[in-house]
Amino acid sequence: MSPPDLQQPVLWSLLGGGFVAAFLHAALPTHWLPFVLVGRAQRWSLARSLLAVSAAGLAHIASTVIVGSLIVAAGMALDGVIAGFLPWLSALLLFGFGTFYLIRSIVRRPVMAGGPAEDLPEPTVSHMTAFWGLVAVMALSPGEVLLPIFMSSAAQGTAALALLTLMFAIGTILGMAIFTTLARAGASILRLERLARYEGAILGFALIAIGLLIVTHQH
């Protein structure tokens, strides 16, 4: 793998465009809202939520690069098969996650309305299950916006693609972390603890809605 020519304006434009595209792509609610909702349900600290964001962001970019590489290697004939199938798996996982939280909110004994604000319900799934579930959601949903950039850059060589992948990862994780942090801060300011009795139902409906958003985007 020969090193890329860093003096080429085209390469810098490619890397800058890849970073901007990845950062803006991370602004989609599907890239940060599940981390806010699940992190809140699991009573995660900000550091733990951002750890999940980083792992899921890396998995998201890895699946994007794998799909892009397969399409480049096998030709555009695989585009509709591979790139179109994985988001459905991601949506199915979100449906399952959301349905689980929704059912648990129905069968669980609710918090008494007169109870103190700190009497919040305990997490309904294990932390490991929630963590790897979020990672799987992102891994099964490659960035369709980033795929054209990756595939159009194949002629620049593998070294340039490696740098582009790095820009994708930095932009995606940075964007997901920023929007997750801002959303968590907003929820804290609004003092949403008063809605704790209904949090399981809200979480379930929200995750199912995100899954529907992914499905709708495929049409």
N, C-alpha and C. Protein backbone atom coordinates (compact mmCIF):
# COMPACT_ATOMS: atom_id res chain seq x y z
N MET A 1 0.85 -1.19 0.00
CA MET A 1 0.00 0.00 0.00
C MET A 1 0.89 1.23 0.00
N SER A 2 0.91 1.95 -1.09
CA SER A 2 1.73 3.14 -1.20
C SER A 2 1.08 4.29 -0.46
N PRO A 3 1.90 5.17 0.17
CA PRO A 3 1.31 6.29 0.91
C PRO A 3 0.64 7.27 -0.03
N PRO A 4 -0.45 7.88 0.41
CA PRO A 4 -1.15 8.85 -0.45
C PRO A 4 -0.36 10.14 -0.59
N ASP A 5 -0.55 10.83 -1.68
CA ASP A 5 0.10 12.11 -1.91
C ASP A 5 -0.70 13.20 -1.21
N LEU A 6 -0.17 13.66 -0.05
CA LEU A 6 -0.89 14.64 0.74
C LEU A 6 -0.84 16.03 0.13
N GLN A 7 -0.13 16.19 -0.96
CA GLN A 7 -0.09 17.49 -1.63
C GLN A 7 -1.22 17.67 -2.63
N GLN A 8 -1.99 16.62 -2.86
CA GLN A 8 -3.07 16.70 -3.84
C GLN A 8 -4.29 17.39 -3.23
N PRO A 9 -4.75 18.50 -3.85
CA PRO A 9 -5.96 19.16 -3.35
C PRO A 9 -7.18 18.25 -3.39
N VAL A 10 -7.19 17.35 -4.36
CA VAL A 10 -8.33 16.43 -4.47
C VAL A 10 -8.44 15.56 -3.23
N LEU A 11 -7.30 15.11 -2.73
CA LEU A 11 -7.30 14.25 -1.55
C LEU A 11 -7.80 15.00 -0.33
N TRP A 12 -7.33 16.24 -0.16
CA TRP A 12 -7.79 17.03 0.98
C TRP A 12 -9.28 17.33 0.89
N SER A 13 -9.75 17.60 -0.31
CA SER A 13 -11.18 17.83 -0.50
C SER A 13 -11.98 16.58 -0.16
N LEU A 14 -11.42 15.43 -0.56
CA LEU A 14 -12.07 14.16 -0.27
C LEU A 14 -12.16 13.91 1.23
N LEU A 15 -11.05 14.13 1.93
CA LEU A 15 -11.02 13.88 3.37
C LEU A 15 -11.91 14.88 4.12
N GLY A 16 -11.85 16.15 3.71
CA GLY A 16 -12.70 17.14 4.36
C GLY A 16 -14.17 16.88 4.11
N GLY A 17 -14.50 16.53 2.87
CA GLY A 17 -15.88 16.21 2.56
C GLY A 17 -16.37 14.98 3.30
N GLY A 18 -15.49 14.00 3.46
CA GLY A 18 -15.86 12.79 4.20
C GLY A 18 -16.15 13.09 5.66
N PHE A 19 -15.33 13.97 6.27
CA PHE A 19 -15.55 14.34 7.67
C PHE A 19 -16.87 15.08 7.84
N VAL A 20 -17.11 16.07 6.98
CA VAL A 20 -18.34 16.87 7.07
C VAL A 20 -19.57 15.99 6.84
N ALA A 21 -19.51 15.12 5.84
CA ALA A 21 -20.64 14.24 5.56
C ALA A 21 -20.93 13.32 6.74
N ALA A 22 -19.87 12.78 7.36
CA ALA A 22 -20.05 11.88 8.49
C ALA A 22 -20.63 12.62 9.69
N PHE A 23 -20.14 13.83 9.94
CA PHE A 23 -20.62 14.61 11.08
C PHE A 23 -22.10 14.97 10.91
N LEU A 24 -22.47 15.43 9.71
CA LEU A 24 -23.86 15.78 9.46
C LEU A 24 -24.76 14.55 9.49
N HIS A 25 -24.23 13.43 9.00
CA HIS A 25 -24.99 12.18 9.03
C HIS A 25 -25.28 11.76 10.47
N ALA A 26 -24.33 12.04 11.36
CA ALA A 26 -24.50 11.68 12.77
C ALA A 26 -25.57 12.53 13.45
N ALA A 27 -26.00 13.62 12.82
CA ALA A 27 -27.04 14.46 13.40
C ALA A 27 -28.42 13.83 13.29
N LEU A 28 -28.56 12.78 12.47
CA LEU A 28 -29.85 12.09 12.37
C LEU A 28 -30.22 11.49 13.72
N PRO A 29 -31.49 11.59 14.13
CA PRO A 29 -31.90 11.05 15.44
C PRO A 29 -31.57 9.59 15.63
N THR A 30 -31.54 8.82 14.54
CA THR A 30 -31.22 7.39 14.66
C THR A 30 -29.80 7.15 15.15
N HIS A 31 -28.95 8.19 15.12
CA HIS A 31 -27.55 8.05 15.51
C HIS A 31 -27.26 8.49 16.93
N TRP A 32 -28.22 9.12 17.60
CA TRP A 32 -27.97 9.55 18.98
C TRP A 32 -29.16 9.35 19.92
N LEU A 33 -30.38 9.41 19.39
CA LEU A 33 -31.54 9.28 20.27
C LEU A 33 -31.61 7.94 20.99
N PRO A 34 -31.31 6.80 20.33
CA PRO A 34 -31.34 5.53 21.08
C PRO A 34 -30.37 5.52 22.27
N PHE A 35 -29.23 6.21 22.15
CA PHE A 35 -28.25 6.23 23.24
C PHE A 35 -28.76 7.08 24.41
N VAL A 36 -29.49 8.14 24.09
CA VAL A 36 -30.08 8.97 25.14
C VAL A 36 -31.17 8.19 25.87
N LEU A 37 -32.05 7.54 25.11
CA LEU A 37 -33.19 6.84 25.70
C LEU A 37 -32.74 5.61 26.50
N VAL A 38 -31.90 4.78 25.88
CA VAL A 38 -31.45 3.56 26.57
C VAL A 38 -30.54 3.92 27.73
N GLY A 39 -29.66 4.91 27.53
CA GLY A 39 -28.78 5.33 28.61
C GLY A 39 -29.57 5.83 29.81
N ARG A 40 -30.65 6.54 29.55
CA ARG A 40 -31.49 7.02 30.65
C ARG A 40 -32.22 5.86 31.33
N ALA A 41 -32.74 4.93 30.54
CA ALA A 41 -33.44 3.79 31.11
C ALA A 41 -32.51 2.93 31.96
N GLN A 42 -31.24 2.84 31.55
CA GLN A 42 -30.27 2.01 32.27
C GLN A 42 -29.55 2.77 33.38
N ARG A 43 -29.88 4.07 33.53
CA ARG A 43 -29.23 4.91 34.54
C ARG A 43 -27.72 5.00 34.32
N TRP A 44 -27.32 5.12 33.04
CA TRP A 44 -25.90 5.22 32.72
C TRP A 44 -25.39 6.62 32.98
N SER A 45 -24.13 6.70 33.36
CA SER A 45 -23.45 7.99 33.44
C SER A 45 -23.16 8.47 32.02
N LEU A 46 -22.80 9.75 31.90
CA LEU A 46 -22.47 10.28 30.58
C LEU A 46 -21.27 9.53 29.99
N ALA A 47 -20.28 9.22 30.83
CA ALA A 47 -19.09 8.52 30.35
C ALA A 47 -19.46 7.15 29.78
N ARG A 48 -20.36 6.46 30.45
CA ARG A 48 -20.75 5.13 29.98
C ARG A 48 -21.55 5.24 28.68
N SER A 49 -22.41 6.24 28.59
CA SER A 49 -23.17 6.44 27.36
C SER A 49 -22.23 6.76 26.20
N LEU A 50 -21.23 7.60 26.44
CA LEU A 50 -20.30 7.97 25.38
C LEU A 50 -19.41 6.79 24.99
N LEU A 51 -19.15 5.88 25.93
CA LEU A 51 -18.42 4.67 25.58
C LEU A 51 -19.23 3.83 24.60
N ALA A 52 -20.54 3.72 24.87
CA ALA A 52 -21.42 3.00 23.94
C ALA A 52 -21.49 3.72 22.60
N VAL A 53 -21.52 5.04 22.62
CA VAL A 53 -21.52 5.83 21.38
C VAL A 53 -20.27 5.54 20.56
N SER A 54 -19.12 5.53 21.22
CA SER A 54 -17.84 5.30 20.51
C SER A 54 -17.80 3.91 19.90
N ALA A 55 -18.19 2.89 20.68
CA ALA A 55 -18.17 1.52 20.17
C ALA A 55 -19.16 1.36 19.01
N ALA A 56 -20.35 1.93 19.16
CA ALA A 56 -21.36 1.81 18.11
C ALA A 56 -20.95 2.60 16.87
N GLY A 57 -20.32 3.77 17.07
CA GLY A 57 -19.86 4.56 15.93
C GLY A 57 -18.80 3.82 15.13
N LEU A 58 -17.88 3.17 15.82
CA LEU A 58 -16.86 2.38 15.13
C LEU A 58 -17.49 1.21 14.37
N ALA A 59 -18.48 0.56 15.00
CA ALA A 59 -19.17 -0.55 14.33
C ALA A 59 -19.93 -0.05 13.11
N HIS A 60 -20.51 1.13 13.22
CA HIS A 60 -21.26 1.73 12.12
C HIS A 60 -20.35 1.99 10.93
N ILE A 61 -19.19 2.57 11.18
CA ILE A 61 -18.24 2.86 10.10
C ILE A 61 -17.64 1.58 9.55
N ALA A 62 -17.37 0.60 10.43
CA ALA A 62 -16.81 -0.67 9.96
C ALA A 62 -17.77 -1.35 8.99
N SER A 63 -19.07 -1.37 9.32
CA SER A 63 -20.03 -1.99 8.42
C SER A 63 -20.16 -1.20 7.12
N THR A 64 -20.05 0.13 7.21
CA THR A 64 -20.11 0.96 6.01
C THR A 64 -18.95 0.65 5.08
N VAL A 65 -17.75 0.54 5.64
CA VAL A 65 -16.56 0.24 4.84
C VAL A 65 -16.63 -1.16 4.26
N ILE A 66 -17.12 -2.13 5.05
CA ILE A 66 -17.23 -3.50 4.56
C ILE A 66 -18.20 -3.57 3.39
N VAL A 67 -19.37 -2.94 3.55
CA VAL A 67 -20.36 -2.95 2.47
C VAL A 67 -19.81 -2.23 1.25
N GLY A 68 -19.18 -1.07 1.45
CA GLY A 68 -18.60 -0.33 0.34
C GLY A 68 -17.53 -1.12 -0.39
N SER A 69 -16.69 -1.81 0.37
CA SER A 69 -15.63 -2.62 -0.24
C SER A 69 -16.21 -3.78 -1.04
N LEU A 70 -17.25 -4.41 -0.50
CA LEU A 70 -17.88 -5.52 -1.22
C LEU A 70 -18.51 -5.04 -2.52
N ILE A 71 -19.13 -3.85 -2.46
CA ILE A 71 -19.76 -3.31 -3.66
C ILE A 71 -18.70 -2.97 -4.71
N VAL A 72 -17.60 -2.36 -4.26
CA VAL A 72 -16.52 -2.02 -5.18
C VAL A 72 -15.93 -3.27 -5.79
N ALA A 73 -15.74 -4.32 -4.95
CA ALA A 73 -15.10 -5.54 -5.43
C ALA A 73 -16.01 -6.34 -6.35
N ALA A 74 -17.28 -6.41 -6.03
CA ALA A 74 -18.19 -7.27 -6.79
C ALA A 74 -18.98 -6.52 -7.85
N GLY A 75 -18.90 -5.21 -7.83
CA GLY A 75 -19.66 -4.44 -8.81
C GLY A 75 -20.95 -3.91 -8.23
N MET A 76 -21.55 -2.98 -8.92
CA MET A 76 -22.74 -2.32 -8.42
C MET A 76 -23.95 -3.25 -8.34
N ALA A 77 -23.84 -4.46 -8.87
CA ALA A 77 -24.97 -5.38 -8.83
C ALA A 77 -25.36 -5.74 -7.40
N LEU A 78 -24.38 -5.67 -6.48
CA LEU A 78 -24.66 -6.02 -5.09
C LEU A 78 -25.21 -4.86 -4.28
N ASP A 79 -25.26 -3.68 -4.85
CA ASP A 79 -25.67 -2.50 -4.10
C ASP A 79 -27.05 -2.67 -3.49
N GLY A 80 -28.03 -3.06 -4.31
CA GLY A 80 -29.38 -3.19 -3.81
C GLY A 80 -29.56 -4.36 -2.86
N VAL A 81 -28.70 -5.37 -2.96
CA VAL A 81 -28.85 -6.56 -2.13
C VAL A 81 -28.26 -6.32 -0.74
N ILE A 82 -27.00 -5.86 -0.69
CA ILE A 82 -26.31 -5.72 0.59
C ILE A 82 -26.72 -4.45 1.31
N ALA A 83 -26.58 -3.32 0.63
CA ALA A 83 -26.86 -2.04 1.29
C ALA A 83 -28.32 -1.90 1.65
N GLY A 84 -29.21 -2.60 0.94
CA GLY A 84 -30.63 -2.47 1.23
C GLY A 84 -31.14 -3.45 2.27
N PHE A 85 -30.37 -4.50 2.58
CA PHE A 85 -30.85 -5.55 3.48
C PHE A 85 -30.53 -5.26 4.94
N LEU A 86 -29.31 -4.77 5.21
CA LEU A 86 -28.88 -4.59 6.59
C LEU A 86 -29.72 -3.58 7.37
N PRO A 87 -30.15 -2.45 6.79
CA PRO A 87 -31.00 -1.54 7.56
C PRO A 87 -32.28 -2.18 8.07
N TRP A 88 -32.82 -3.15 7.32
CA TRP A 88 -34.02 -3.84 7.78
C TRP A 88 -33.72 -4.65 9.04
N LEU A 89 -32.53 -5.25 9.10
CA LEU A 89 -32.14 -5.97 10.32
C LEU A 89 -32.01 -5.01 11.50
N SER A 90 -31.45 -3.82 11.23
CA SER A 90 -31.33 -2.80 12.28
C SER A 90 -32.71 -2.39 12.78
N ALA A 91 -33.64 -2.16 11.86
CA ALA A 91 -35.00 -1.77 12.25
C ALA A 91 -35.67 -2.87 13.05
N LEU A 92 -35.46 -4.13 12.65
CA LEU A 92 -36.05 -5.26 13.37
C LEU A 92 -35.53 -5.32 14.80
N LEU A 93 -34.23 -5.05 14.97
CA LEU A 93 -33.64 -5.05 16.31
C LEU A 93 -34.23 -3.93 17.16
N LEU A 94 -34.45 -2.77 16.56
CA LEU A 94 -35.07 -1.66 17.28
C LEU A 94 -36.51 -2.00 17.67
N PHE A 95 -37.24 -2.65 16.76
CA PHE A 95 -38.61 -3.08 17.08
C PHE A 95 -38.60 -4.01 18.29
N GLY A 96 -37.67 -4.97 18.28
CA GLY A 96 -37.60 -5.92 19.39
C GLY A 96 -37.24 -5.24 20.70
N PHE A 97 -36.25 -4.33 20.65
CA PHE A 97 -35.83 -3.59 21.83
C PHE A 97 -37.01 -2.76 22.36
N GLY A 98 -37.67 -2.03 21.46
CA GLY A 98 -38.77 -1.17 21.87
C GLY A 98 -39.94 -1.97 22.42
N THR A 99 -40.26 -3.09 21.79
CA THR A 99 -41.37 -3.93 22.26
C THR A 99 -41.08 -4.48 23.65
N PHE A 100 -39.82 -4.86 23.88
CA PHE A 100 -39.44 -5.39 25.20
C PHE A 100 -39.68 -4.35 26.29
N TYR A 101 -39.17 -3.12 26.07
CA TYR A 101 -39.35 -2.07 27.06
C TYR A 101 -40.84 -1.75 27.26
N LEU A 102 -41.61 -1.79 26.17
CA LEU A 102 -43.02 -1.47 26.24
C LEU A 102 -43.77 -2.51 27.07
N ILE A 103 -43.49 -3.79 26.83
CA ILE A 103 -44.15 -4.85 27.58
C ILE A 103 -43.76 -4.80 29.05
N ARG A 104 -42.46 -4.56 29.31
CA ARG A 104 -42.02 -4.49 30.71
C ARG A 104 -42.68 -3.33 31.44
N SER A 105 -42.94 -2.22 30.74
CA SER A 105 -43.59 -1.08 31.38
C SER A 105 -45.04 -1.39 31.73
N ILE A 106 -45.66 -2.32 30.99
CA ILE A 106 -47.06 -2.68 31.24
C ILE A 106 -47.17 -3.65 32.41
N VAL A 107 -46.28 -4.64 32.46
CA VAL A 107 -46.38 -5.67 33.49
C VAL A 107 -45.70 -5.28 34.79
N ARG A 108 -44.82 -4.28 34.74
CA ARG A 108 -44.11 -3.87 35.95
C ARG A 108 -45.01 -3.02 36.83
N ARG A 109 -44.87 -3.16 38.14
CA ARG A 109 -45.64 -2.32 39.06
C ARG A 109 -45.15 -0.89 38.96
N PRO A 110 -46.03 0.08 38.63
CA PRO A 110 -45.59 1.45 38.42
C PRO A 110 -45.13 2.13 39.70
N VAL A 111 -44.30 3.16 39.56
CA VAL A 111 -43.86 3.97 40.69
C VAL A 111 -45.04 4.80 41.18
N MET A 112 -45.24 4.88 42.47
CA MET A 112 -46.37 5.64 43.02
C MET A 112 -46.20 7.11 42.71
N ALA A 113 -47.32 7.77 42.37
CA ALA A 113 -47.26 9.16 41.96
C ALA A 113 -46.75 10.05 43.08
N GLY A 114 -46.98 9.67 44.33
CA GLY A 114 -46.56 10.52 45.43
C GLY A 114 -45.16 10.22 45.91
N GLY A 115 -44.47 9.27 45.29
CA GLY A 115 -43.14 8.89 45.71
C GLY A 115 -42.13 9.96 45.40
N PRO A 116 -40.98 9.93 46.06
CA PRO A 116 -39.94 10.93 45.81
C PRO A 116 -39.37 10.78 44.42
N ALA A 117 -38.75 11.84 43.91
CA ALA A 117 -38.23 11.86 42.54
C ALA A 117 -37.10 10.87 42.36
N GLU A 118 -36.40 10.54 43.50
CA GLU A 118 -35.26 9.66 43.32
C GLU A 118 -35.66 8.20 43.24
N ASP A 119 -36.95 7.86 43.50
CA ASP A 119 -37.41 6.48 43.41
C ASP A 119 -37.70 6.12 41.97
N LEU A 120 -36.66 6.05 41.16
CA LEU A 120 -36.82 5.74 39.75
C LEU A 120 -36.76 4.24 39.53
N PRO A 121 -37.42 3.72 38.51
CA PRO A 121 -37.39 2.28 38.26
C PRO A 121 -35.99 1.80 37.91
N GLU A 122 -35.71 0.58 38.31
CA GLU A 122 -34.40 0.00 38.00
C GLU A 122 -34.32 -0.36 36.52
N PRO A 123 -33.10 -0.48 35.98
CA PRO A 123 -32.95 -0.89 34.58
C PRO A 123 -33.65 -2.21 34.32
N THR A 124 -34.27 -2.34 33.14
CA THR A 124 -35.07 -3.52 32.83
C THR A 124 -34.29 -4.59 32.06
N VAL A 125 -33.09 -4.26 31.58
CA VAL A 125 -32.23 -5.25 30.94
C VAL A 125 -30.84 -5.08 31.51
N SER A 126 -29.99 -6.08 31.31
CA SER A 126 -28.63 -5.97 31.80
C SER A 126 -27.88 -4.89 31.02
N HIS A 127 -26.87 -4.33 31.67
CA HIS A 127 -26.09 -3.29 31.02
C HIS A 127 -25.37 -3.81 29.78
N MET A 128 -24.89 -5.03 29.84
CA MET A 128 -24.18 -5.61 28.68
C MET A 128 -25.14 -5.80 27.51
N THR A 129 -26.35 -6.26 27.81
CA THR A 129 -27.34 -6.45 26.75
C THR A 129 -27.68 -5.13 26.09
N ALA A 130 -27.91 -4.11 26.91
CA ALA A 130 -28.22 -2.79 26.36
C ALA A 130 -27.06 -2.23 25.55
N PHE A 131 -25.84 -2.39 26.06
CA PHE A 131 -24.65 -1.87 25.39
C PHE A 131 -24.47 -2.51 24.02
N TRP A 132 -24.43 -3.83 24.00
CA TRP A 132 -24.18 -4.53 22.73
C TRP A 132 -25.39 -4.47 21.80
N GLY A 133 -26.59 -4.27 22.36
CA GLY A 133 -27.74 -4.07 21.51
C GLY A 133 -27.63 -2.78 20.71
N LEU A 134 -27.16 -1.72 21.37
CA LEU A 134 -26.96 -0.45 20.67
C LEU A 134 -25.86 -0.56 19.62
N VAL A 135 -24.79 -1.27 19.95
CA VAL A 135 -23.71 -1.47 18.99
C VAL A 135 -24.23 -2.24 17.77
N ALA A 136 -25.04 -3.28 18.03
CA ALA A 136 -25.57 -4.08 16.92
C ALA A 136 -26.49 -3.26 16.03
N VAL A 137 -27.29 -2.38 16.63
CA VAL A 137 -28.19 -1.54 15.83
C VAL A 137 -27.39 -0.72 14.82
N MET A 138 -26.30 -0.12 15.26
CA MET A 138 -25.50 0.71 14.37
C MET A 138 -24.70 -0.14 13.39
N ALA A 139 -24.23 -1.31 13.83
CA ALA A 139 -23.46 -2.17 12.93
C ALA A 139 -24.31 -2.69 11.78
N LEU A 140 -25.60 -2.90 12.05
CA LEU A 140 -26.50 -3.43 11.02
C LEU A 140 -27.10 -2.34 10.15
N SER A 141 -26.65 -1.10 10.35
CA SER A 141 -27.19 0.01 9.56
C SER A 141 -26.04 0.84 8.99
N PRO A 142 -25.39 0.36 7.94
CA PRO A 142 -24.27 1.11 7.35
C PRO A 142 -24.73 2.46 6.83
N GLY A 143 -23.82 3.44 6.85
CA GLY A 143 -24.16 4.79 6.43
C GLY A 143 -24.35 4.89 4.93
N GLU A 144 -25.61 4.86 4.50
CA GLU A 144 -25.88 4.89 3.06
C GLU A 144 -25.44 6.21 2.43
N VAL A 145 -25.41 7.29 3.23
CA VAL A 145 -24.95 8.58 2.72
C VAL A 145 -23.45 8.55 2.45
N LEU A 146 -22.72 7.77 3.23
CA LEU A 146 -21.26 7.73 3.11
C LEU A 146 -20.80 6.75 2.03
N LEU A 147 -21.65 5.79 1.67
CA LEU A 147 -21.25 4.78 0.70
C LEU A 147 -20.85 5.37 -0.65
N PRO A 148 -21.61 6.33 -1.23
CA PRO A 148 -21.18 6.89 -2.52
C PRO A 148 -19.82 7.56 -2.45
N ILE A 149 -19.52 8.25 -1.33
CA ILE A 149 -18.21 8.89 -1.18
C ILE A 149 -17.12 7.84 -1.15
N PHE A 150 -17.35 6.78 -0.41
CA PHE A 150 -16.35 5.73 -0.30
C PHE A 150 -16.10 5.06 -1.65
N MET A 151 -17.19 4.72 -2.35
CA MET A 151 -17.04 4.01 -3.62
C MET A 151 -16.43 4.89 -4.70
N SER A 152 -16.78 6.17 -4.70
CA SER A 152 -16.22 7.07 -5.71
C SER A 152 -14.75 7.36 -5.48
N SER A 153 -14.25 7.04 -4.27
CA SER A 153 -12.86 7.29 -3.93
C SER A 153 -11.97 6.08 -4.11
N ALA A 154 -12.54 4.99 -4.62
CA ALA A 154 -11.77 3.75 -4.76
C ALA A 154 -10.57 3.93 -5.68
N ALA A 155 -10.70 4.81 -6.69
CA ALA A 155 -9.60 5.01 -7.63
C ALA A 155 -8.41 5.69 -7.00
N GLN A 156 -8.57 6.29 -5.82
CA GLN A 156 -7.47 6.99 -5.16
C GLN A 156 -6.50 6.03 -4.48
N GLY A 157 -6.86 4.76 -4.38
CA GLY A 157 -5.98 3.78 -3.77
C GLY A 157 -6.38 3.44 -2.35
N THR A 158 -5.83 2.34 -1.86
CA THR A 158 -6.22 1.84 -0.54
C THR A 158 -5.76 2.76 0.59
N ALA A 159 -4.61 3.43 0.42
CA ALA A 159 -4.13 4.33 1.47
C ALA A 159 -5.07 5.51 1.64
N ALA A 160 -5.54 6.06 0.52
CA ALA A 160 -6.50 7.16 0.58
C ALA A 160 -7.81 6.69 1.21
N LEU A 161 -8.24 5.47 0.88
CA LEU A 161 -9.46 4.94 1.47
C LEU A 161 -9.31 4.74 2.98
N ALA A 162 -8.11 4.38 3.40
CA ALA A 162 -7.85 4.22 4.84
C ALA A 162 -7.99 5.56 5.56
N LEU A 163 -7.43 6.62 4.95
CA LEU A 163 -7.56 7.95 5.54
C LEU A 163 -9.01 8.41 5.54
N LEU A 164 -9.73 8.11 4.47
CA LEU A 164 -11.14 8.48 4.39
C LEU A 164 -11.94 7.76 5.47
N THR A 165 -11.62 6.50 5.68
CA THR A 165 -12.29 5.73 6.74
C THR A 165 -12.04 6.37 8.10
N LEU A 166 -10.80 6.84 8.32
CA LEU A 166 -10.47 7.52 9.58
C LEU A 166 -11.31 8.79 9.74
N MET A 167 -11.45 9.55 8.66
CA MET A 167 -12.28 10.77 8.72
C MET A 167 -13.73 10.43 8.99
N PHE A 168 -14.23 9.36 8.37
CA PHE A 168 -15.58 8.90 8.63
C PHE A 168 -15.77 8.60 10.12
N ALA A 169 -14.81 7.87 10.69
CA ALA A 169 -14.91 7.46 12.09
C ALA A 169 -14.88 8.68 13.02
N ILE A 170 -13.95 9.60 12.77
CA ILE A 170 -13.84 10.79 13.63
C ILE A 170 -15.11 11.63 13.54
N GLY A 171 -15.57 11.90 12.32
CA GLY A 171 -16.76 12.71 12.15
C GLY A 171 -17.99 12.08 12.75
N THR A 172 -18.15 10.77 12.57
CA THR A 172 -19.32 10.07 13.08
C THR A 172 -19.34 10.05 14.60
N ILE A 173 -18.23 9.62 15.21
CA ILE A 173 -18.19 9.51 16.67
C ILE A 173 -18.29 10.88 17.32
N LEU A 174 -17.61 11.88 16.75
CA LEU A 174 -17.69 13.24 17.30
C LEU A 174 -19.12 13.77 17.23
N GLY A 175 -19.76 13.59 16.08
CA GLY A 175 -21.13 14.06 15.94
C GLY A 175 -22.08 13.34 16.88
N MET A 176 -22.00 12.01 16.95
CA MET A 176 -22.87 11.25 17.84
C MET A 176 -22.66 11.65 19.29
N ALA A 177 -21.38 11.85 19.68
CA ALA A 177 -21.08 12.22 21.07
C ALA A 177 -21.64 13.59 21.41
N ILE A 178 -21.49 14.55 20.50
CA ILE A 178 -21.97 15.91 20.76
C ILE A 178 -23.48 15.94 20.89
N PHE A 179 -24.18 15.31 19.94
CA PHE A 179 -25.64 15.35 19.97
C PHE A 179 -26.20 14.54 21.14
N THR A 180 -25.54 13.44 21.49
CA THR A 180 -25.97 12.67 22.66
C THR A 180 -25.80 13.49 23.93
N THR A 181 -24.67 14.16 24.06
CA THR A 181 -24.41 14.98 25.25
C THR A 181 -25.40 16.13 25.36
N LEU A 182 -25.66 16.81 24.25
CA LEU A 182 -26.61 17.92 24.26
C LEU A 182 -28.02 17.44 24.61
N ALA A 183 -28.41 16.29 24.06
CA ALA A 183 -29.75 15.77 24.34
C ALA A 183 -29.89 15.37 25.80
N ARG A 184 -28.84 14.75 26.36
CA ARG A 184 -28.87 14.39 27.78
C ARG A 184 -28.97 15.63 28.67
N ALA A 185 -28.24 16.66 28.32
CA ALA A 185 -28.28 17.90 29.09
C ALA A 185 -29.67 18.53 29.03
N GLY A 186 -30.27 18.49 27.85
CA GLY A 186 -31.62 19.03 27.70
C GLY A 186 -32.63 18.27 28.53
N ALA A 187 -32.52 16.95 28.55
CA ALA A 187 -33.44 16.13 29.35
C ALA A 187 -33.27 16.42 30.83
N SER A 188 -32.02 16.65 31.27
CA SER A 188 -31.76 16.95 32.67
C SER A 188 -32.36 18.30 33.06
N ILE A 189 -32.22 19.28 32.18
CA ILE A 189 -32.76 20.62 32.46
C ILE A 189 -34.27 20.57 32.58
N LEU A 190 -34.93 19.76 31.74
CA LEU A 190 -36.39 19.66 31.76
C LEU A 190 -36.92 18.85 32.93
N ARG A 191 -36.00 18.24 33.71
CA ARG A 191 -36.38 17.46 34.89
C ARG A 191 -37.44 16.40 34.53
N LEU A 192 -37.05 15.50 33.65
CA LEU A 192 -37.99 14.50 33.17
C LEU A 192 -38.26 13.38 34.18
N GLU A 193 -37.67 13.49 35.39
CA GLU A 193 -37.92 12.46 36.39
C GLU A 193 -39.40 12.32 36.71
N ARG A 194 -40.17 13.41 36.54
CA ARG A 194 -41.59 13.34 36.83
C ARG A 194 -42.32 12.38 35.91
N LEU A 195 -41.69 12.04 34.77
CA LEU A 195 -42.31 11.11 33.83
C LEU A 195 -41.80 9.69 34.03
N ALA A 196 -41.13 9.43 35.15
CA ALA A 196 -40.49 8.13 35.35
C ALA A 196 -41.49 6.98 35.29
N ARG A 197 -42.74 7.23 35.75
CA ARG A 197 -43.73 6.16 35.74
C ARG A 197 -44.01 5.66 34.32
N TYR A 198 -43.87 6.57 33.35
CA TYR A 198 -44.21 6.24 31.97
C TYR A 198 -42.98 6.05 31.10
N GLU A 199 -41.80 6.02 31.74
CA GLU A 199 -40.58 6.03 30.95
C GLU A 199 -40.44 4.78 30.09
N GLY A 200 -40.81 3.61 30.63
CA GLY A 200 -40.70 2.39 29.84
C GLY A 200 -41.55 2.45 28.58
N ALA A 201 -42.79 2.96 28.73
CA ALA A 201 -43.67 3.07 27.56
C ALA A 201 -43.13 4.09 26.57
N ILE A 202 -42.65 5.24 27.08
CA ILE A 202 -42.09 6.27 26.20
C ILE A 202 -40.89 5.73 25.44
N LEU A 203 -40.00 5.03 26.18
CA LEU A 203 -38.81 4.45 25.56
C LEU A 203 -39.21 3.44 24.49
N GLY A 204 -40.16 2.56 24.80
CA GLY A 204 -40.57 1.55 23.84
C GLY A 204 -41.14 2.15 22.57
N PHE A 205 -42.06 3.11 22.74
CA PHE A 205 -42.65 3.76 21.57
C PHE A 205 -41.60 4.52 20.76
N ALA A 206 -40.65 5.17 21.44
CA ALA A 206 -39.64 5.95 20.74
C ALA A 206 -38.72 5.05 19.91
N LEU A 207 -38.29 3.92 20.48
CA LEU A 207 -37.41 3.01 19.74
C LEU A 207 -38.15 2.39 18.56
N ILE A 208 -39.42 2.05 18.75
CA ILE A 208 -40.21 1.51 17.63
C ILE A 208 -40.36 2.57 16.54
N ALA A 209 -40.56 3.83 16.95
CA ALA A 209 -40.69 4.92 15.98
C ALA A 209 -39.40 5.10 15.18
N ILE A 210 -38.25 4.96 15.85
CA ILE A 210 -36.97 5.07 15.14
C ILE A 210 -36.84 3.94 14.13
N GLY A 211 -37.25 2.73 14.54
CA GLY A 211 -37.24 1.61 13.60
C GLY A 211 -38.12 1.86 12.40
N LEU A 212 -39.32 2.44 12.64
CA LEU A 212 -40.21 2.78 11.53
C LEU A 212 -39.59 3.84 10.63
N LEU A 213 -38.83 4.76 11.23
CA LEU A 213 -38.15 5.79 10.44
C LEU A 213 -37.15 5.15 9.49
N ILE A 214 -36.42 4.15 9.97
CA ILE A 214 -35.45 3.45 9.13
C ILE A 214 -36.17 2.71 8.00
N VAL A 215 -37.28 2.03 8.33
CA VAL A 215 -38.03 1.29 7.32
C VAL A 215 -38.60 2.24 6.27
N THR A 216 -39.16 3.36 6.71
CA THR A 216 -39.74 4.32 5.78
C THR A 216 -38.68 4.89 4.85
N HIS A 217 -37.46 5.06 5.37
CA HIS A 217 -36.37 5.63 4.58
C HIS A 217 -35.95 4.69 3.45
N GLN A 218 -36.28 3.40 3.61
CA GLN A 218 -35.88 2.43 2.57
C GLN A 218 -36.78 2.50 1.34
N HIS A 219 -37.94 3.13 1.44
CA HIS A 219 -38.88 3.19 0.32
C HIS A 219 -38.60 4.41 -0.54
